Amino acid sequence: MTGLYYEEFEVGETIEHERRRTVSESDNQRFCDMTMNQQPLHLDEQFAGETQFGERLVNGLYTMSLAVGVSIPETTDGTIVANLSYDDVSHPNPVFHGDTIRAQSTVTDKRETSDGDRGVVTMHVEAFAVNREDDDGDELLVCEFDRTALSLKKENVEE
């Protein structure tokens, strides 16, 4: 599936992303190894077991990266020039091994570049653990952030 061109994004639109992923211990371990993050809260079962969480937490940057990754097909797959920023990142709840993550993106702003050839699109991305609930019985929000991308305009793409 091709992502959206600048003209196809609508401010206020919420895009539900079809792809989901259940986070494994191996996912967390590999991500920590690749990024050289040896925080014992992510990797040491005994250490983490003695914290308020009672078990290891999935690296928050992995959770954020996963949310971006699952959002790509419906937003920017093949239509992006560059990601410009990730802002206002929060992790209101931890992710544990075995949590299944889904994401949704709400378009919050868009504007043409000064030369009019491309567009800048900002989306508020939310990631949820679908196997856990908040106090209201809704899927548990585990990460949210604003993603700003430089997008191609369909009118400027050669077919």
Protein backbone atom coordinates (compact mmCIF):
# COMPACT_ATOMS: atom_id res chain seq x y z
CA MET A 1 0.00 0.00 0.00
CA THR A 2 1.30 3.45 -0.87
CA GLY A 3 1.33 6.15 1.76
CA LEU A 4 -0.46 9.46 1.42
CA TYR A 5 0.74 12.41 -0.59
CA TYR A 6 0.56 15.85 1.01
CA GLU A 7 -2.76 16.67 -0.67
CA GLU A 8 -4.35 13.48 0.72
CA PHE A 9 -3.75 14.26 4.41
CA GLU A 10 -6.72 15.89 6.14
CA VAL A 11 -6.25 17.85 9.36
CA GLY A 12 -8.33 16.20 12.10
CA GLU A 13 -8.35 12.79 10.39
CA THR A 14 -7.40 9.81 12.58
CA ILE A 15 -5.73 6.96 10.74
CA GLU A 16 -6.05 3.55 12.38
CA HIS A 17 -3.04 1.40 11.52
CA GLU A 18 -3.77 -2.20 10.64
CA ARG A 19 -0.40 -3.70 11.59
CA ARG A 20 0.22 -4.82 15.17
CA ARG A 21 3.14 -6.48 16.88
CA THR A 22 3.50 -8.53 20.02
CA VAL A 23 6.76 -7.48 21.65
CA SER A 24 9.03 -10.36 22.58
CA GLU A 25 11.92 -10.59 25.01
CA SER A 26 14.16 -11.08 21.98
CA ASP A 27 12.90 -7.83 20.37
CA ASN A 28 13.77 -5.88 23.51
CA GLN A 29 17.16 -7.58 23.94
CA ARG A 30 18.19 -6.98 20.31
CA PHE A 31 17.11 -3.34 20.38
CA CYS A 32 19.04 -2.71 23.61
CA ASP A 33 22.09 -4.46 22.14
CA MET A 34 21.95 -2.51 18.86
CA THR A 35 21.61 0.82 20.66
CA MET A 36 24.15 -0.09 23.37
CA ASN A 37 21.55 0.57 26.08
CA GLN A 38 22.36 -1.80 28.92
CA GLN A 39 19.87 -0.37 31.42
CA PRO A 40 19.19 -3.22 33.88
CA LEU A 41 15.50 -2.27 34.05
CA HIS A 42 15.26 -3.56 30.46
CA LEU A 43 17.59 -6.54 30.68
CA ASP A 44 18.13 -7.84 34.24
CA GLU A 45 15.18 -9.90 35.47
CA GLN A 46 16.30 -9.90 39.09
CA PHE A 47 17.01 -6.16 39.15
CA ALA A 48 13.72 -5.30 37.46
CA GLY A 49 11.84 -7.68 39.74
CA GLU A 50 12.83 -5.55 42.71
CA THR A 51 11.46 -2.33 41.19
CA GLN A 52 7.91 -0.95 41.37
CA PHE A 53 7.22 -2.67 38.03
CA GLY A 54 8.11 -6.17 39.23
CA GLU A 55 9.49 -7.21 35.84
CA ARG A 56 11.59 -5.99 32.94
CA LEU A 57 10.29 -3.10 30.85
CA VAL A 58 10.56 -2.85 27.09
CA ASN A 59 12.86 -0.03 26.03
CA GLY A 60 10.73 3.08 25.47
CA LEU A 61 12.60 4.03 22.30
CA TYR A 62 11.72 0.61 20.87
CA THR A 63 8.06 1.28 21.63
CA MET A 64 8.25 4.65 19.90
CA SER A 65 10.10 3.19 16.91
CA LEU A 66 7.55 0.40 16.64
CA ALA A 67 4.72 2.95 16.61
CA VAL A 68 6.41 4.80 13.76
CA GLY A 69 7.05 1.57 11.88
CA VAL A 70 3.48 0.30 12.04
CA SER A 71 2.22 3.71 10.89
CA ILE A 72 4.29 3.85 7.70
CA PRO A 73 2.03 1.92 5.26
CA GLU A 74 -0.99 4.18 5.78
CA THR A 75 0.91 7.47 6.10
CA THR A 76 4.28 7.93 4.40
CA ASP A 77 5.28 4.71 2.60
CA GLY A 78 6.89 5.91 -0.64
CA THR A 79 5.60 9.47 -0.26
CA ILE A 80 8.01 10.89 2.32
CA VAL A 81 11.05 13.06 1.66
CA ALA A 82 12.23 13.00 5.31
CA ASN A 83 11.10 12.81 8.91
CA LEU A 84 11.73 16.30 10.30
CA SER A 85 11.06 15.85 14.00
CA TYR A 86 9.59 13.83 16.83
CA ASP A 87 8.29 16.07 19.59
CA ASP A 88 6.51 15.89 22.94
CA VAL A 89 7.25 12.20 23.47
CA SER A 90 5.68 10.61 26.53
CA HIS A 91 5.44 7.09 27.89
CA PRO A 92 2.46 7.20 30.27
CA ASN A 93 2.56 3.44 30.91
CA PRO A 94 5.26 0.78 30.58
CA VAL A 95 5.39 -1.94 27.94
CA PHE A 96 6.17 -5.50 29.02
CA HIS A 97 7.28 -8.55 27.07
CA GLY A 98 4.17 -10.08 25.53
CA ASP A 99 2.26 -6.81 25.07
CA THR A 100 0.66 -6.39 21.65
CA ILE A 101 1.06 -2.85 20.34
CA ARG A 102 -1.16 -1.00 17.87
CA ALA A 103 -0.97 2.63 16.79
CA GLN A 104 -3.07 5.41 15.37
CA SER A 105 -2.07 8.75 13.87
CA THR A 106 -4.14 11.94 13.94
CA VAL A 107 -3.20 14.65 11.45
CA THR A 108 -2.84 17.84 13.50
CA ASP A 109 -1.31 20.26 10.99
CA LYS A 110 -0.18 20.59 7.40
CA ARG A 111 1.34 23.36 5.31
CA GLU A 112 3.10 23.74 2.00
CA THR A 113 6.81 24.43 1.91
CA SER A 114 7.84 27.96 1.00
CA ASP A 115 8.52 26.93 -2.61
CA GLY A 116 5.17 25.09 -2.81
CA ASP A 117 6.78 21.91 -4.15
CA ARG A 118 6.23 19.76 -1.04
CA GLY A 119 4.31 19.77 2.19
CA VAL A 120 4.97 19.47 5.91
CA VAL A 121 2.56 17.21 7.79
CA THR A 122 2.38 16.80 11.58
CA MET A 123 0.68 13.79 13.11
CA HIS A 124 -0.01 12.94 16.74
CA VAL A 125 0.86 9.25 17.07
CA GLU A 126 -0.53 7.12 19.89
CA ALA A 127 0.54 3.56 20.72
CA PHE A 128 -1.64 1.25 22.78
CA ALA A 129 -1.14 -2.12 24.49
CA VAL A 130 -4.25 -3.91 23.22
CA ASN A 131 -3.96 -6.70 25.78
CA ARG A 132 -4.15 -4.34 28.78
CA GLU A 133 -6.78 -1.81 29.84
CA ASP A 134 -6.80 1.53 31.60
CA ASP A 135 -9.19 2.36 34.46
CA ASP A 136 -11.97 3.11 31.94
CA GLY A 137 -11.65 -0.27 30.21
CA ASP A 138 -9.95 1.20 27.12
CA GLU A 139 -6.74 -0.08 25.56
CA LEU A 140 -3.78 1.17 27.59
CA LEU A 141 -1.89 4.15 26.11
CA VAL A 142 1.83 3.35 26.31
CA CYS A 143 3.45 6.03 24.12
CA GLU A 144 2.46 9.21 22.32
CA PHE A 145 4.35 11.83 20.34
CA ASP A 146 4.12 14.28 17.46
CA ARG A 147 5.79 13.26 14.20
CA THR A 148 6.50 15.85 11.52
CA ALA A 149 7.29 14.68 7.99
CA LEU A 150 8.24 16.38 4.75
CA SER A 151 5.86 14.90 2.18
CA LEU A 152 5.78 14.74 -1.58
CA LYS A 153 2.92 16.43 -3.42
CA LYS A 154 1.19 14.14 -5.87
CA GLU A 155 1.08 16.88 -8.51
CA ASN A 156 4.90 16.99 -8.51
CA VAL A 157 5.52 13.25 -8.89
CA GLU A 158 6.28 11.87 -12.31
CA GLU A 159 4.14 8.83 -13.07
